[in-house]
Amino acid sequence: MLFNWKDKTIVVVDDTEINFVLIKTQLRKTNANIIWLKNGQEAVEYVQNQKVVDLLLMDIRMPILDGIQATLIIKKMAPEIPIVIQTASVMGNAYNDISSSGCDDVIFKPIVSSKLIEIINKQFLKKSKL
């Protein structure tokens, strides 16, 4: 299935460049505007500055401010922005942290392109019905 998200901005928050490059490559055919931020603090500031964000893909483990804390802060400021946590960790407290973060969905690494697009599309459809 083809998607044309040329009017959408997806912000990838991940401290590892190769993870960003992989996601950007997976989303290339959707025509979405893809922005890279390297930690949760950058994401919080990006939203505070009222930049256009249609969806945040948020990693959990990052320096300065982790994805869980960033999600909690952003959801208080702008609850309408869908946040999809991306993680390789589902052990121990990570699962509880994700559940209590207020995120809209979770995708597990390694990320499968079709699953990523399916989750993003689900969030865009949900948001359009609000």
C-alpha atoms as a PDB file:
ATOM      1  CA  MET A   1       0.000   0.000   0.000  1.00  0.00           C
ATOM      2  CA  LEU A   2       1.323   3.454  -0.891  1.00  0.00           C
ATOM      3  CA  PHE A   3       0.989   6.496   1.323  1.00  0.00           C
ATOM      4  CA  ASN A   4       1.508  10.134   0.450  1.00  0.00           C
ATOM      5  CA  TRP A   5       2.303  12.024   3.626  1.00  0.00           C
ATOM      6  CA  LYS A   6       3.903  15.039   1.920  1.00  0.00           C
ATOM      7  CA  ASP A   7       1.908  17.288   4.270  1.00  0.00           C
ATOM      8  CA  LYS A   8       3.123  15.410   7.391  1.00  0.00           C
ATOM      9  CA  THR A   9       6.165  16.032   9.583  1.00  0.00           C
ATOM     10  CA  ILE A  10       7.520  13.062  11.465  1.00  0.00           C
ATOM     11  CA  VAL A  11      10.141  13.794  14.101  1.00  0.00           C
ATOM     12  CA  VAL A  12      12.540  10.955  14.890  1.00  0.00           C
ATOM     13  CA  VAL A  13      14.118  11.339  18.319  1.00  0.00           C
ATOM     14  CA  ASP A  14      17.103   8.998  18.595  1.00  0.00           C
ATOM     15  CA  ASP A  15      20.710   9.572  19.625  1.00  0.00           C
ATOM     16  CA  THR A  16      22.053   7.032  17.130  1.00  0.00           C
ATOM     17  CA  GLU A  17      22.403   8.355  13.583  1.00  0.00           C
ATOM     18  CA  ILE A  18      22.153   4.951  11.922  1.00  0.00           C
ATOM     19  CA  ASN A  19      18.735   4.414  13.549  1.00  0.00           C
ATOM     20  CA  PHE A  20      17.570   7.725  12.083  1.00  0.00           C
ATOM     21  CA  VAL A  21      18.956   6.848   8.645  1.00  0.00           C
ATOM     22  CA  LEU A  22      17.181   3.481   8.705  1.00  0.00           C
ATOM     23  CA  ILE A  23      13.825   5.034   9.663  1.00  0.00           C
ATOM     24  CA  LYS A  24      14.218   7.797   7.095  1.00  0.00           C
ATOM     25  CA  THR A  25      14.939   5.167   4.447  1.00  0.00           C
ATOM     26  CA  GLN A  26      11.924   3.101   5.514  1.00  0.00           C
ATOM     27  CA  LEU A  27       9.672   6.173   5.217  1.00  0.00           C
ATOM     28  CA  ARG A  28      11.216   7.525   1.990  1.00  0.00           C
ATOM     29  CA  LYS A  29       8.346   6.483  -0.286  1.00  0.00           C
ATOM     30  CA  THR A  30       5.739   8.177   1.939  1.00  0.00           C
ATOM     31  CA  ASN A  31       7.108  11.656   1.044  1.00  0.00           C
ATOM     32  CA  ALA A  32       6.844  12.700   4.715  1.00  0.00           C
ATOM     33  CA  ASN A  33       9.075  15.474   6.022  1.00  0.00           C
ATOM     34  CA  ILE A  34      11.470  13.661   8.410  1.00  0.00           C
ATOM     35  CA  ILE A  35      13.267  15.621  11.151  1.00  0.00           C
ATOM     36  CA  TRP A  36      16.049  14.208  13.360  1.00  0.00           C
ATOM     37  CA  LEU A  37      16.505  15.216  16.985  1.00  0.00           C
ATOM     38  CA  LYS A  38      19.208  13.583  19.106  1.00  0.00           C
ATOM     39  CA  ASN A  39      17.666  13.513  22.595  1.00  0.00           C
ATOM     40  CA  GLY A  40      14.517  14.089  24.593  1.00  0.00           C
ATOM     41  CA  GLN A  41      15.500  17.619  25.581  1.00  0.00           C
ATOM     42  CA  GLU A  42      15.709  18.630  21.919  1.00  0.00           C
ATOM     43  CA  ALA A  43      12.247  17.126  21.396  1.00  0.00           C
ATOM     44  CA  VAL A  44      10.756  19.041  24.319  1.00  0.00           C
ATOM     45  CA  GLU A  45      12.284  22.305  23.073  1.00  0.00           C
ATOM     46  CA  TYR A  46      11.116  21.586  19.512  1.00  0.00           C
ATOM     47  CA  VAL A  47       7.513  21.195  20.705  1.00  0.00           C
ATOM     48  CA  GLN A  48       7.797  24.190  23.076  1.00  0.00           C
ATOM     49  CA  ASN A  49       8.842  26.328  20.116  1.00  0.00           C
ATOM     50  CA  GLN A  50       5.589  25.309  18.409  1.00  0.00           C
ATOM     51  CA  LYS A  51       7.285  23.671  15.478  1.00  0.00           C
ATOM     52  CA  VAL A  52       5.116  21.547  13.218  1.00  0.00           C
ATOM     53  CA  VAL A  53       4.933  17.952  14.464  1.00  0.00           C
ATOM     54  CA  ASP A  54       2.440  15.414  13.184  1.00  0.00           C
ATOM     55  CA  LEU A  55       4.053  12.472  14.973  1.00  0.00           C
ATOM     56  CA  LEU A  56       7.062  11.798  17.208  1.00  0.00           C
ATOM     57  CA  LEU A  57       9.018   8.533  17.015  1.00  0.00           C
ATOM     58  CA  MET A  58      10.720   8.504  20.424  1.00  0.00           C
ATOM     59  CA  ASP A  59      13.596   6.264  21.456  1.00  0.00           C
ATOM     60  CA  ILE A  60      13.795   5.443  25.171  1.00  0.00           C
ATOM     61  CA  ARG A  61      17.494   5.415  25.964  1.00  0.00           C
ATOM     62  CA  MET A  62      19.120   8.738  25.136  1.00  0.00           C
ATOM     63  CA  PRO A  63      21.492  11.164  26.838  1.00  0.00           C
ATOM     64  CA  ILE A  64      20.393  14.416  28.514  1.00  0.00           C
ATOM     65  CA  LEU A  65      16.684  13.505  28.707  1.00  0.00           C
ATOM     66  CA  ASP A  66      15.401   9.999  28.035  1.00  0.00           C
ATOM     67  CA  GLY A  67      12.387   9.219  25.882  1.00  0.00           C
ATOM     68  CA  ILE A  68      10.073   8.326  28.767  1.00  0.00           C
ATOM     69  CA  GLN A  69      10.618  11.644  30.549  1.00  0.00           C
ATOM     70  CA  ALA A  70      10.409  13.577  27.283  1.00  0.00           C
ATOM     71  CA  THR A  71       7.124  11.835  26.432  1.00  0.00           C
ATOM     72  CA  LEU A  72       5.654  12.695  29.832  1.00  0.00           C
ATOM     73  CA  ILE A  73       6.602  16.378  29.406  1.00  0.00           C
ATOM     74  CA  ILE A  74       5.411  16.635  25.793  1.00  0.00           C
ATOM     75  CA  LYS A  75       2.088  14.932  26.549  1.00  0.00           C
ATOM     76  CA  LYS A  76       1.418  17.584  29.236  1.00  0.00           C
ATOM     77  CA  MET A  77       2.231  20.402  26.771  1.00  0.00           C
ATOM     78  CA  ALA A  78       0.666  18.989  23.628  1.00  0.00           C
ATOM     79  CA  PRO A  79      -1.437  15.873  24.267  1.00  0.00           C
ATOM     80  CA  GLU A  80      -2.695  15.910  20.671  1.00  0.00           C
ATOM     81  CA  ILE A  81       0.718  14.997  19.240  1.00  0.00           C
ATOM     82  CA  PRO A  82       0.954  11.223  18.730  1.00  0.00           C
ATOM     83  CA  ILE A  83       4.089   9.731  20.250  1.00  0.00           C
ATOM     84  CA  VAL A  84       5.258   6.281  19.238  1.00  0.00           C
ATOM     85  CA  ILE A  85       7.954   4.847  21.475  1.00  0.00           C
ATOM     86  CA  GLN A  86      10.645   2.917  19.625  1.00  0.00           C
ATOM     87  CA  THR A  87      12.651   0.514  21.740  1.00  0.00           C
ATOM     88  CA  ALA A  88      14.668  -2.668  21.814  1.00  0.00           C
ATOM     89  CA  SER A  89      13.947  -3.064  25.521  1.00  0.00           C
ATOM     90  CA  VAL A  90      10.884  -4.735  27.002  1.00  0.00           C
ATOM     91  CA  MET A  91      12.517  -6.170  30.095  1.00  0.00           C
ATOM     92  CA  GLY A  92      12.007  -5.181  33.717  1.00  0.00           C
ATOM     93  CA  ASN A  93      10.918  -1.637  34.423  1.00  0.00           C
ATOM     94  CA  ALA A  94      11.057  -0.597  30.765  1.00  0.00           C
ATOM     95  CA  TYR A  95       7.645  -2.109  30.067  1.00  0.00           C
ATOM     96  CA  ASN A  96       6.094  -0.344  33.070  1.00  0.00           C
ATOM     97  CA  ASP A  97       7.786   2.926  32.128  1.00  0.00           C
ATOM     98  CA  ILE A  98       6.439   2.713  28.579  1.00  0.00           C
ATOM     99  CA  SER A  99       2.941   1.918  29.825  1.00  0.00           C
ATOM    100  CA  SER A 100       2.898   4.898  32.175  1.00  0.00           C
ATOM    101  CA  SER A 101       4.515   7.368  29.750  1.00  0.00           C
ATOM    102  CA  GLY A 102       1.281   8.319  27.981  1.00  0.00           C
ATOM    103  CA  CYS A 103       2.645   7.300  24.588  1.00  0.00           C
ATOM    104  CA  ASP A 104       0.176   6.403  21.861  1.00  0.00           C
ATOM    105  CA  ASP A 105       1.883   3.250  20.612  1.00  0.00           C
ATOM    106  CA  VAL A 106       5.114   1.233  20.725  1.00  0.00           C
ATOM    107  CA  ILE A 107       7.268  -0.288  18.006  1.00  0.00           C
ATOM    108  CA  PHE A 108      10.069  -2.702  18.790  1.00  0.00           C
ATOM    109  CA  LYS A 109      13.539  -2.702  17.264  1.00  0.00           C
ATOM    110  CA  PRO A 110      14.624  -3.939  14.849  1.00  0.00           C
ATOM    111  CA  ILE A 111      11.896  -1.965  13.125  1.00  0.00           C
ATOM    112  CA  VAL A 112      10.080  -3.625  10.239  1.00  0.00           C
ATOM    113  CA  SER A 113       9.094  -1.098   7.539  1.00  0.00           C
ATOM    114  CA  SER A 114       5.559  -2.377   7.026  1.00  0.00           C
ATOM    115  CA  LYS A 115       4.860  -2.358  10.775  1.00  0.00           C
ATOM    116  CA  LEU A 116       6.273   1.170  11.128  1.00  0.00           C
ATOM    117  CA  ILE A 117       4.092   2.506   8.321  1.00  0.00           C
ATOM    118  CA  GLU A 118       1.048   0.672   9.703  1.00  0.00           C
ATOM    119  CA  ILE A 119       1.507   2.201  13.178  1.00  0.00           C
ATOM    120  CA  ILE A 120       2.098   5.709  11.826  1.00  0.00           C
ATOM    121  CA  ASN A 121      -0.917   5.492   9.525  1.00  0.00           C
ATOM    122  CA  LYS A 122      -3.074   4.311  12.440  1.00  0.00           C
ATOM    123  CA  GLN A 123      -2.016   7.375  14.442  1.00  0.00           C
ATOM    124  CA  PHE A 124      -2.685   9.752  11.529  1.00  0.00           C
ATOM    125  CA  LEU A 125      -6.153   8.232  11.031  1.00  0.00           C
ATOM    126  CA  LYS A 126      -6.909   8.493  14.740  1.00  0.00           C
ATOM    127  CA  LYS A 127      -5.755  12.115  14.827  1.00  0.00           C
ATOM    128  CA  SER A 128      -7.840  13.021  11.755  1.00  0.00           C
ATOM    129  CA  LYS A 129     -10.998  11.794  13.499  1.00  0.00           C
ATOM    130  CA  LEU A 130     -10.512  14.202  16.435  1.00  0.00           C
END
